Structure formats: structure tokens, C-alpha cells
Amino acid sequence: IAAEAGPWAVAEYVEYPQGCRFLQSFKSVAA
């Protein structure tokens, strides 16, 4: 399983949405 973060994660997801798992705002579950 490969991973990217930040704008690189966005770019990867936008180009290949069907093959990705995208997570945003994961800080909101810290507590």
C-alpha cells in the first residue's frame, strides 16, 4: 500500500479516484 499526503494526495486522488482511499480532516477524530 503506497501513500501520499498534502497536495500530492489531492493530485493522486483526482487523477485516480476509483483506485484510491482518500482521507481529509483526520485531525477531527483525535479526541
PDB file of all heavy atoms in Angstrom:
ATOM      1  N   ILE A   1       0.853  -1.193   0.000  1.00  0.00           N
ATOM      2  CA  ILE A   1       0.000   0.000   0.000  1.00  0.00           C
ATOM      3  C   ILE A   1       0.887   1.241   0.000  1.00  0.00           C
ATOM      4  O   ILE A   1       1.691   1.443   0.917  1.00  0.00           O
ATOM      5  CB  ILE A   1      -0.944   0.030   1.213  1.00  0.00           C
ATOM      6  CG1 ILE A   1      -1.881  -1.183   1.184  1.00  0.00           C
ATOM      7  CG2 ILE A   1      -1.768   1.316   1.217  1.00  0.00           C
ATOM      8  CD1 ILE A   1      -2.786  -1.294   2.385  1.00  0.00           C
ATOM      9  N   ALA A   2       0.750   2.065  -1.015  1.00  0.00           N
ATOM     10  CA  ALA A   2       1.501   3.317  -1.110  1.00  0.00           C
ATOM     11  C   ALA A   2       0.661   4.464  -0.561  1.00  0.00           C
ATOM     12  O   ALA A   2      -0.567   4.362  -0.450  1.00  0.00           O
ATOM     13  CB  ALA A   2       1.871   3.592  -2.563  1.00  0.00           C
ATOM     14  N   ALA A   3       1.321   5.565  -0.217  1.00  0.00           N
ATOM     15  CA  ALA A   3       0.613   6.699   0.370  1.00  0.00           C
ATOM     16  C   ALA A   3       1.247   8.010  -0.066  1.00  0.00           C
ATOM     17  O   ALA A   3       2.437   8.064  -0.383  1.00  0.00           O
ATOM     18  CB  ALA A   3       0.623   6.604   1.898  1.00  0.00           C
ATOM     19  N   GLU A   4       0.439   9.045  -0.081  1.00  0.00           N
ATOM     20  CA  GLU A   4       0.905  10.417  -0.266  1.00  0.00           C
ATOM     21  C   GLU A   4       0.095  11.322   0.646  1.00  0.00           C
ATOM     22  O   GLU A   4      -0.957  10.934   1.173  1.00  0.00           O
ATOM     23  CB  GLU A   4       0.779  10.872  -1.716  1.00  0.00           C
ATOM     24  CG  GLU A   4       2.082  10.814  -2.500  1.00  0.00           C
ATOM     25  CD  GLU A   4       3.227  11.621  -1.896  1.00  0.00           C
ATOM     26  OE1 GLU A   4       2.981  12.377  -0.925  1.00  0.00           O
ATOM     27  OE2 GLU A   4       4.355  11.504  -2.377  1.00  0.00           O
ATOM     28  N   ALA A   5       0.596  12.544   0.839  1.00  0.00           N
ATOM     29  CA  ALA A   5      -0.063  13.499   1.734  1.00  0.00           C
ATOM     30  C   ALA A   5      -0.111  14.872   1.089  1.00  0.00           C
ATOM     31  O   ALA A   5       0.581  15.146   0.100  1.00  0.00           O
ATOM     32  CB  ALA A   5       0.674  13.569   3.076  1.00  0.00           C
ATOM     33  N   GLY A   6      -0.926  15.748   1.678  1.00  0.00           N
ATOM     34  CA  GLY A   6      -0.989  17.135   1.235  1.00  0.00           C
ATOM     35  C   GLY A   6      -1.498  17.282  -0.182  1.00  0.00           C
ATOM     36  O   GLY A   6      -2.337  16.504  -0.654  1.00  0.00           O
ATOM     37  N   PRO A   7      -0.980  18.269  -0.926  1.00  0.00           N
ATOM     38  CA  PRO A   7      -1.436  18.479  -2.297  1.00  0.00           C
ATOM     39  C   PRO A   7      -1.101  17.302  -3.214  1.00  0.00           C
ATOM     40  O   PRO A   7      -1.771  17.082  -4.217  1.00  0.00           O
ATOM     41  CB  PRO A   7      -0.687  19.750  -2.729  1.00  0.00           C
ATOM     42  CG  PRO A   7       0.509  19.815  -1.842  1.00  0.00           C
ATOM     43  CD  PRO A   7       0.056  19.246  -0.523  1.00  0.00           C
ATOM     44  N   TRP A   8      -0.092  16.525  -2.842  1.00  0.00           N
ATOM     45  CA  TRP A   8       0.247  15.323  -3.612  1.00  0.00           C
ATOM     46  C   TRP A   8      -0.853  14.279  -3.460  1.00  0.00           C
ATOM     47  O   TRP A   8      -1.165  13.559  -4.413  1.00  0.00           O
ATOM     48  CB  TRP A   8       1.594  14.777  -3.144  1.00  0.00           C
ATOM     49  CG  TRP A   8       2.696  15.774  -3.264  1.00  0.00           C
ATOM     50  CD1 TRP A   8       3.094  16.675  -2.310  1.00  0.00           C
ATOM     51  CD2 TRP A   8       3.515  16.010  -4.411  1.00  0.00           C
ATOM     52  NE1 TRP A   8       4.121  17.453  -2.792  1.00  0.00           N
ATOM     53  CE2 TRP A   8       4.401  17.069  -4.078  1.00  0.00           C
ATOM     54  CE3 TRP A   8       3.601  15.434  -5.673  1.00  0.00           C
ATOM     55  CZ2 TRP A   8       5.343  17.556  -4.965  1.00  0.00           C
ATOM     56  CZ3 TRP A   8       4.544  15.913  -6.566  1.00  0.00           C
ATOM     57  CH2 TRP A   8       5.405  16.959  -6.210  1.00  0.00           C
ATOM     58  N   ALA A   9      -1.434  14.188  -2.275  1.00  0.00           N
ATOM     59  CA  ALA A   9      -2.552  13.268  -2.059  1.00  0.00           C
ATOM     60  C   ALA A   9      -3.763  13.684  -2.873  1.00  0.00           C
ATOM     61  O   ALA A   9      -4.450  12.856  -3.470  1.00  0.00           O
ATOM     62  CB  ALA A   9      -2.900  13.217  -0.573  1.00  0.00           C
ATOM     63  N   VAL A  10      -4.026  14.994  -2.895  1.00  0.00           N
ATOM     64  CA  VAL A  10      -5.147  15.504  -3.675  1.00  0.00           C
ATOM     65  C   VAL A  10      -4.952  15.192  -5.154  1.00  0.00           C
ATOM     66  O   VAL A  10      -5.870  14.719  -5.839  1.00  0.00           O
ATOM     67  CB  VAL A  10      -5.318  17.018  -3.457  1.00  0.00           C
ATOM     68  CG1 VAL A  10      -6.394  17.579  -4.386  1.00  0.00           C
ATOM     69  CG2 VAL A  10      -5.679  17.313  -2.002  1.00  0.00           C
ATOM     70  N   ALA A  11      -3.751  15.438  -5.658  1.00  0.00           N
ATOM     71  CA  ALA A  11      -3.462  15.202  -7.076  1.00  0.00           C
ATOM     72  C   ALA A  11      -3.630  13.728  -7.427  1.00  0.00           C
ATOM     73  O   ALA A  11      -4.182  13.379  -8.485  1.00  0.00           O
ATOM     74  CB  ALA A  11      -2.048  15.674  -7.406  1.00  0.00           C
ATOM     75  N   GLU A  12      -3.162  12.842  -6.550  1.00  0.00           N
ATOM     76  CA  GLU A  12      -3.282  11.406  -6.792  1.00  0.00           C
ATOM     77  C   GLU A  12      -4.752  10.989  -6.831  1.00  0.00           C
ATOM     78  O   GLU A  12      -5.178  10.225  -7.698  1.00  0.00           O
ATOM     79  CB  GLU A  12      -2.545  10.635  -5.697  1.00  0.00           C
ATOM     80  CG  GLU A  12      -2.416   9.152  -5.944  1.00  0.00           C
ATOM     81  CD  GLU A  12      -1.440   8.811  -7.067  1.00  0.00           C
ATOM     82  OE1 GLU A  12      -0.433   9.522  -7.212  1.00  0.00           O
ATOM     83  OE2 GLU A  12      -1.706   7.821  -7.781  1.00  0.00           O
ATOM     84  N   TYR A  13      -5.524  11.512  -5.880  1.00  0.00           N
ATOM     85  CA  TYR A  13      -6.938  11.151  -5.805  1.00  0.00           C
ATOM     86  C   TYR A  13      -7.714  11.660  -7.018  1.00  0.00           C
ATOM     87  O   TYR A  13      -8.536  10.938  -7.593  1.00  0.00           O
ATOM     88  CB  TYR A  13      -7.558  11.710  -4.526  1.00  0.00           C
ATOM     89  CG  TYR A  13      -9.064  11.529  -4.481  1.00  0.00           C
ATOM     90  CD1 TYR A  13      -9.615  10.283  -4.191  1.00  0.00           C
ATOM     91  CD2 TYR A  13      -9.916  12.585  -4.762  1.00  0.00           C
ATOM     92  CE1 TYR A  13     -10.982  10.105  -4.171  1.00  0.00           C
ATOM     93  CE2 TYR A  13     -11.288  12.409  -4.749  1.00  0.00           C
ATOM     94  CZ  TYR A  13     -11.813  11.168  -4.452  1.00  0.00           C
ATOM     95  OH  TYR A  13     -13.177  10.995  -4.452  1.00  0.00           O
ATOM     96  N   VAL A  14      -7.463  12.899  -7.397  1.00  0.00           N
ATOM     97  CA  VAL A  14      -8.192  13.481  -8.524  1.00  0.00           C
ATOM     98  C   VAL A  14      -7.903  12.717  -9.810  1.00  0.00           C
ATOM     99  O   VAL A  14      -8.788  12.524 -10.656  1.00  0.00           O
ATOM    100  CB  VAL A  14      -7.838  14.976  -8.678  1.00  0.00           C
ATOM    101  CG1 VAL A  14      -8.378  15.537  -9.985  1.00  0.00           C
ATOM    102  CG2 VAL A  14      -8.410  15.771  -7.502  1.00  0.00           C
ATOM    103  N   GLU A  15      -6.658  12.225  -9.963  1.00  0.00           N
ATOM    104  CA  GLU A  15      -6.297  11.523 -11.192  1.00  0.00           C
ATOM    105  C   GLU A  15      -6.819  10.085 -11.213  1.00  0.00           C
ATOM    106  O   GLU A  15      -7.254   9.590 -12.261  1.00  0.00           O
ATOM    107  CB  GLU A  15      -4.778  11.521 -11.364  1.00  0.00           C
ATOM    108  CG  GLU A  15      -4.342  10.954 -12.709  1.00  0.00           C
ATOM    109  CD  GLU A  15      -2.873  11.215 -12.999  1.00  0.00           C
ATOM    110  OE1 GLU A  15      -2.193  11.813 -12.133  1.00  0.00           O
ATOM    111  OE2 GLU A  15      -2.414  10.816 -14.081  1.00  0.00           O
ATOM    112  N   TYR A  16      -6.800   9.417 -10.047  1.00  0.00           N
ATOM    113  CA  TYR A  16      -7.223   8.014  -9.998  1.00  0.00           C
ATOM    114  C   TYR A  16      -8.198   7.778  -8.840  1.00  0.00           C
ATOM    115  O   TYR A  16      -7.898   7.031  -7.898  1.00  0.00           O
ATOM    116  CB  TYR A  16      -6.005   7.091  -9.822  1.00  0.00           C
ATOM    117  CG  TYR A  16      -4.952   7.238 -10.876  1.00  0.00           C
ATOM    118  CD1 TYR A  16      -3.737   7.856 -10.580  1.00  0.00           C
ATOM    119  CD2 TYR A  16      -5.160   6.760 -12.174  1.00  0.00           C
ATOM    120  CE1 TYR A  16      -2.753   7.991 -11.552  1.00  0.00           C
ATOM    121  CE2 TYR A  16      -4.185   6.898 -13.150  1.00  0.00           C
ATOM    122  CZ  TYR A  16      -2.993   7.511 -12.829  1.00  0.00           C
ATOM    123  OH  TYR A  16      -2.023   7.657 -13.790  1.00  0.00           O
ATOM    124  N   PRO A  17      -9.375   8.396  -8.855  1.00  0.00           N
ATOM    125  CA  PRO A  17     -10.289   8.293  -7.706  1.00  0.00           C
ATOM    126  C   PRO A  17     -10.771   6.877  -7.429  1.00  0.00           C
ATOM    127  O   PRO A  17     -10.934   6.491  -6.268  1.00  0.00           O
ATOM    128  CB  PRO A  17     -11.452   9.204  -8.095  1.00  0.00           C
ATOM    129  CG  PRO A  17     -11.399   9.288  -9.585  1.00  0.00           C
ATOM    130  CD  PRO A  17      -9.945   9.220  -9.933  1.00  0.00           C
ATOM    131  N   GLN A  18     -10.984   6.066  -8.472  1.00  0.00           N
ATOM    132  CA  GLN A  18     -11.548   4.740  -8.252  1.00  0.00           C
ATOM    133  C   GLN A  18     -10.586   3.803  -7.530  1.00  0.00           C
ATOM    134  O   GLN A  18     -11.020   2.875  -6.853  1.00  0.00           O
ATOM    135  CB  GLN A  18     -11.974   4.108  -9.591  1.00  0.00           C
ATOM    136  CG  GLN A  18     -13.261   4.669 -10.158  1.00  0.00           C
ATOM    137  CD  GLN A  18     -13.051   6.009 -10.851  1.00  0.00           C
ATOM    138  OE1 GLN A  18     -11.919   6.365 -11.164  1.00  0.00           O
ATOM    139  NE2 GLN A  18     -14.124   6.736 -11.101  1.00  0.00           N
ATOM    140  N   GLY A  19      -9.284   4.052  -7.646  1.00  0.00           N
ATOM    141  CA  GLY A  19      -8.320   3.139  -7.038  1.00  0.00           C
ATOM    142  C   GLY A  19      -7.737   3.626  -5.729  1.00  0.00           C
ATOM    143  O   GLY A  19      -6.816   2.987  -5.205  1.00  0.00           O
ATOM    144  N   CYS A  20      -8.250   4.712  -5.203  1.00  0.00           N
ATOM    145  CA  CYS A  20      -7.652   5.334  -4.012  1.00  0.00           C
ATOM    146  C   CYS A  20      -8.587   5.293  -2.809  1.00  0.00           C
ATOM    147  O   CYS A  20      -9.801   5.145  -2.935  1.00  0.00           O
ATOM    148  CB  CYS A  20      -7.299   6.796  -4.298  1.00  0.00           C
ATOM    149  SG  CYS A  20      -6.015   7.024  -5.540  1.00  0.00           S
ATOM    150  N   ARG A  21      -7.985   5.451  -1.650  1.00  0.00           N
ATOM    151  CA  ARG A  21      -8.724   5.738  -0.419  1.00  0.00           C
ATOM    152  C   ARG A  21      -8.203   7.081   0.083  1.00  0.00           C
ATOM    153  O   ARG A  21      -7.030   7.218   0.395  1.00  0.00           O
ATOM    154  CB  ARG A  21      -8.502   4.657   0.631  1.00  0.00           C
ATOM    155  CG  ARG A  21      -9.078   3.308   0.246  1.00  0.00           C
ATOM    156  CD  ARG A  21     -10.596   3.330   0.180  1.00  0.00           C
ATOM    157  NE  ARG A  21     -11.147   2.024  -0.165  1.00  0.00           N
ATOM    158  CZ  ARG A  21     -11.404   1.630  -1.403  1.00  0.00           C
ATOM    159  NH1 ARG A  21     -11.147   2.442  -2.425  1.00  0.00           N
ATOM    160  NH2 ARG A  21     -11.904   0.429  -1.645  1.00  0.00           N
ATOM    161  N   PHE A  22      -9.077   8.060   0.136  1.00  0.00           N
ATOM    162  CA  PHE A  22      -8.678   9.429   0.449  1.00  0.00           C
ATOM    163  C   PHE A  22      -9.234   9.828   1.812  1.00  0.00           C
ATOM    164  O   PHE A  22     -10.415   9.616   2.098  1.00  0.00           O
ATOM    165  CB  PHE A  22      -9.211  10.382  -0.623  1.00  0.00           C
ATOM    166  CG  PHE A  22      -8.652  11.778  -0.535  1.00  0.00           C
ATOM    167  CD1 PHE A  22      -7.509  12.131  -1.229  1.00  0.00           C
ATOM    168  CD2 PHE A  22      -9.278  12.735   0.243  1.00  0.00           C
ATOM    169  CE1 PHE A  22      -6.990  13.408  -1.152  1.00  0.00           C
ATOM    170  CE2 PHE A  22      -8.770  14.018   0.326  1.00  0.00           C
ATOM    171  CZ  PHE A  22      -7.621  14.360  -0.364  1.00  0.00           C
ATOM    172  N   LEU A  23      -8.383  10.401   2.662  1.00  0.00           N
ATOM    173  CA  LEU A  23      -8.786  10.851   3.991  1.00  0.00           C
ATOM    174  C   LEU A  23      -8.414  12.309   4.162  1.00  0.00           C
ATOM    175  O   LEU A  23      -7.268  12.696   3.911  1.00  0.00           O
ATOM    176  CB  LEU A  23      -8.103  10.029   5.081  1.00  0.00           C
ATOM    177  CG  LEU A  23      -8.400   8.527   5.145  1.00  0.00           C
ATOM    178  CD1 LEU A  23      -7.580   7.892   6.256  1.00  0.00           C
ATOM    179  CD2 LEU A  23      -9.877   8.277   5.364  1.00  0.00           C
ATOM    180  N   GLN A  24      -9.360  13.105   4.594  1.00  0.00           N
ATOM    181  CA  GLN A  24      -9.099  14.514   4.893  1.00  0.00           C
ATOM    182  C   GLN A  24      -9.692  14.836   6.257  1.00  0.00           C
ATOM    183  O   GLN A  24     -10.615  14.176   6.713  1.00  0.00           O
ATOM    184  CB  GLN A  24      -9.728  15.407   3.830  1.00  0.00           C
ATOM    185  CG  GLN A  24      -9.474  16.894   4.086  1.00  0.00           C
ATOM    186  CD  GLN A  24      -9.929  17.745   2.938  1.00  0.00           C
ATOM    187  OE1 GLN A  24      -9.182  17.973   2.007  1.00  0.00           O
ATOM    188  NE2 GLN A  24     -11.161  18.221   2.986  1.00  0.00           N
ATOM    189  N   SER A  25      -9.122  15.858   6.889  1.00  0.00           N
ATOM    190  CA  SER A  25      -9.620  16.324   8.190  1.00  0.00           C
ATOM    191  C   SER A  25      -9.553  15.219   9.242  1.00  0.00           C
ATOM    192  O   SER A  25     -10.381  15.172  10.144  1.00  0.00           O
ATOM    193  CB  SER A  25     -11.060  16.849   8.072  1.00  0.00           C
ATOM    194  OG  SER A  25     -11.160  17.875   7.111  1.00  0.00           O
ATOM    195  N   PHE A  26      -8.562  14.321   9.158  1.00  0.00           N
ATOM    196  CA  PHE A  26      -8.492  13.245  10.142  1.00  0.00           C
ATOM    197  C   PHE A  26      -8.158  13.759  11.540  1.00  0.00           C
ATOM    198  O   PHE A  26      -8.401  13.077  12.539  1.00  0.00           O
ATOM    199  CB  PHE A  26      -7.501  12.159   9.698  1.00  0.00           C
ATOM    200  CG  PHE A  26      -6.058  12.578   9.635  1.00  0.00           C
ATOM    201  CD1 PHE A  26      -5.213  12.373  10.703  1.00  0.00           C
ATOM    202  CD2 PHE A  26      -5.544  13.173   8.484  1.00  0.00           C
ATOM    203  CE1 PHE A  26      -3.875  12.751  10.647  1.00  0.00           C
ATOM    204  CE2 PHE A  26      -4.212  13.542   8.407  1.00  0.00           C
ATOM    205  CZ  PHE A  26      -3.375  13.346   9.489  1.00  0.00           C
ATOM    206  N   LYS A  27      -7.647  14.982  11.640  1.00  0.00           N
ATOM    207  CA  LYS A  27      -7.418  15.577  12.962  1.00  0.00           C
ATOM    208  C   LYS A  27      -8.705  15.647  13.765  1.00  0.00           C
ATOM    209  O   LYS A  27      -8.684  15.594  14.997  1.00  0.00           O
ATOM    210  CB  LYS A  27      -6.815  16.978  12.800  1.00  0.00           C
ATOM    211  CG  LYS A  27      -6.647  17.743  14.114  1.00  0.00           C
ATOM    212  CD  LYS A  27      -6.245  19.182  13.865  1.00  0.00           C
ATOM    213  CE  LYS A  27      -6.264  20.000  15.145  1.00  0.00           C
ATOM    214  NZ  LYS A  27      -5.925  21.423  14.891  1.00  0.00           N
ATOM    215  N   SER A  28      -9.844  15.754  13.083  1.00  0.00           N
ATOM    216  CA  SER A  28     -11.123  15.943  13.775  1.00  0.00           C
ATOM    217  C   SER A  28     -11.530  14.734  14.606  1.00  0.00           C
ATOM    218  O   SER A  28     -12.440  14.835  15.432  1.00  0.00           O
ATOM    219  CB  SER A  28     -12.225  16.283  12.768  1.00  0.00           C
ATOM    220  OG  SER A  28     -12.419  15.219  11.856  1.00  0.00           O
ATOM    221  N   VAL A  29     -10.871  13.574  14.425  1.00  0.00           N
ATOM    222  CA  VAL A  29     -11.211  12.400  15.236  1.00  0.00           C
ATOM    223  C   VAL A  29     -10.179  12.138  16.326  1.00  0.00           C
ATOM    224  O   VAL A  29     -10.250  11.122  17.023  1.00  0.00           O
ATOM    225  CB  VAL A  29     -11.388  11.141  14.362  1.00  0.00           C
ATOM    226  CG1 VAL A  29     -12.513  11.347  13.359  1.00  0.00           C
ATOM    227  CG2 VAL A  29     -10.096  10.765  13.644  1.00  0.00           C
ATOM    228  N   ALA A  30      -9.234  13.041  16.526  1.00  0.00           N
ATOM    229  CA  ALA A  30      -8.166  12.819  17.512  1.00  0.00           C
ATOM    230  C   ALA A  30      -8.716  12.572  18.907  1.00  0.00           C
ATOM    231  O   ALA A  30      -8.182  11.755  19.660  1.00  0.00           O
ATOM    232  CB  ALA A  30      -7.207  14.007  17.530  1.00  0.00           C
ATOM    233  N   ALA A  31      -9.778  13.271  19.271  1.00  0.00           N
ATOM    234  CA  ALA A  31     -10.339  13.168  20.621  1.00  0.00           C
ATOM    235  C   ALA A  31     -11.607  12.340  20.673  1.00  0.00           C
ATOM    236  O   ALA A  31     -12.317  12.346  21.678  1.00  0.00           O
ATOM    237  CB  ALA A  31     -10.620  14.577  21.160  1.00  0.00           C
TER     238      ALA A  31
END
